[in-house]
Protein backbone atom coordinates (compact mmCIF):
# COMPACT_ATOMS: atom_id res chain seq x y z
CA GLY A 1 -0.24 0.22 0.01
CA ASN A 2 0.70 3.35 -0.31
CA VAL A 3 1.44 6.48 2.21
CA HIS A 4 -0.29 8.79 1.74
CA GLN A 5 -0.49 11.72 4.82
CA TYR A 6 -2.69 15.42 4.72
CA GLU A 7 -2.35 18.32 7.16
CA PRO A 8 -5.89 19.06 8.42
CA PRO A 9 -8.55 20.08 6.59
CA THR A 10 -7.13 18.20 3.23
CA GLY A 11 -7.85 15.41 2.08
CA PRO A 12 -11.04 12.92 3.87
CA GLN A 13 -7.84 12.22 6.61
CA GLY A 14 -7.16 15.62 7.47
CA ARG A 15 -10.66 16.22 7.52
CA ALA A 16 -12.29 14.81 9.98
CA TYR A 17 -9.99 15.01 12.19
CA GLN A 18 -10.15 18.80 12.10
CA THR A 19 -13.93 18.09 12.65
CA LEU A 20 -14.00 15.62 14.07
CA ARG A 21 -16.73 13.95 12.40
CA PRO A 22 -16.87 11.35 9.60
CA GLU A 23 -17.12 11.78 6.13
CA TRP A 24 -18.06 10.02 3.03
CA LEU A 25 -16.78 10.00 -0.17
CA SER A 26 -19.28 8.09 -3.99
CA ASP A 27 -16.44 10.39 -5.89
CA LEU A 28 -12.85 9.99 -5.70
CA ASN A 29 -12.07 11.61 -8.88
CA ASP A 30 -11.78 15.90 -7.31
CA SER A 31 -7.98 15.89 -5.88
CA THR A 32 -8.97 18.90 -3.87
CA ILE A 33 -11.45 16.80 -1.99
CA PHE A 34 -9.43 13.33 -1.98
CA PRO A 35 -5.58 14.13 -2.96
CA ALA A 36 -5.02 11.28 -3.68
CA GLY A 37 -7.10 10.64 -6.64
CA GLU A 38 -4.76 8.89 -8.66
CA THR A 39 -3.33 6.16 -6.25
CA ALA A 40 -7.45 5.39 -5.77
CA LYS A 41 -7.88 4.85 -9.27
CA GLU A 42 -5.12 3.32 -10.81
CA SER A 43 -5.61 0.36 -7.67
CA GLY A 44 -9.62 0.32 -8.15
CA ILE A 45 -11.71 2.35 -4.81
CA THR A 46 -14.58 4.26 -6.25
CA THR A 47 -15.27 5.00 -2.06
CA ALA A 48 -13.40 6.55 0.98
CA CYS A 49 -14.99 6.65 4.39
CA SER A 50 -13.24 9.12 7.20
CA ILE A 51 -14.23 8.26 10.69
CA PRO A 52 -12.35 10.03 14.06
CA VAL A 53 -11.30 8.51 16.26
CA LYS A 54 -10.95 10.05 19.99
CA SER A 55 -11.31 9.89 23.74
CA GLU A 56 -12.34 12.09 25.89
CA ILE A 57 -9.58 11.52 28.81
CA CYS A 58 -6.51 11.29 26.78
CA ASN A 59 -5.09 15.23 25.40
CA PRO A 60 -5.25 15.56 22.76
CA SER A 61 -8.94 13.81 22.34
CA ILE A 62 -8.02 12.55 18.41
CA LEU A 63 -5.64 9.51 19.29
CA ALA A 64 -6.07 9.08 14.66
CA VAL A 65 -8.36 8.32 12.07
CA VAL A 66 -10.00 5.62 10.65
CA MET A 67 -9.89 4.91 6.73
CA PHE A 68 -11.99 2.73 5.11
CA TYR A 69 -11.77 1.99 0.26
CA SER A 70 -13.87 0.00 -0.94
CA ARG A 71 -13.53 -0.65 -5.02
CA GLU A 72 -17.40 -1.64 -4.87
CA ALA A 73 -19.26 1.41 -5.54
CA MET A 74 -21.22 2.85 -3.10
CA PRO A 75 -23.81 5.44 -3.60
CA PHE A 76 -23.87 7.80 -0.35
CA ASP A 77 -25.91 5.39 2.63
CA ALA A 78 -27.12 7.60 5.70
CA ALA A 79 -27.61 4.63 7.90
CA LYS A 80 -24.07 2.88 6.67
CA LEU A 81 -22.51 6.85 8.38
CA SER A 82 -24.61 6.62 10.66
CA LEU A 83 -22.65 3.51 12.18
CA ALA A 84 -19.96 4.73 11.73
CA GLY A 85 -20.83 8.23 14.21
CA GLU A 86 -21.78 5.84 16.28
CA ILE A 87 -18.27 4.24 16.14
CA HIS A 88 -16.92 7.55 15.99
CA SER A 89 -18.97 8.30 19.48
CA GLN A 90 -17.65 5.44 21.02
CA SER A 91 -14.29 5.62 20.81
CA VAL A 92 -14.82 8.27 23.14
CA LEU A 93 -15.23 5.42 25.57
CA LEU A 94 -11.65 4.80 24.95
CA PRO A 95 -9.06 4.38 27.88
CA SER A 96 -5.98 6.79 27.71
CA THR A 97 -2.90 3.66 27.61
CA SER A 98 -1.48 3.64 24.21
CA PHE A 99 -3.12 0.67 21.35
CA MET A 100 -2.77 -0.03 18.04
CA ILE A 101 -5.17 -1.40 16.01
CA ALA A 102 -3.76 -3.72 13.19
């Protein structure tokens, strides 16, 4: 895989980090919205969702942004974004200890 790192508010990761809100993208062709669009196109990725992971007991409160990608074209789905929001809201319960998601 490729590593892409963006400063907020660039890219879905940066916007999720800055706004603390999940973001659903079903059009990855606009490089101003999704800077890794060319890589996504080469990989066949058509949909992306970014979810901020935060904890109210850590400083800073945001720990990470998790990205989900799909090669299946998925138009915006309020139920799936709601589920992402639920994951986000439950992430505040994470302990302040260090952890790794593999």
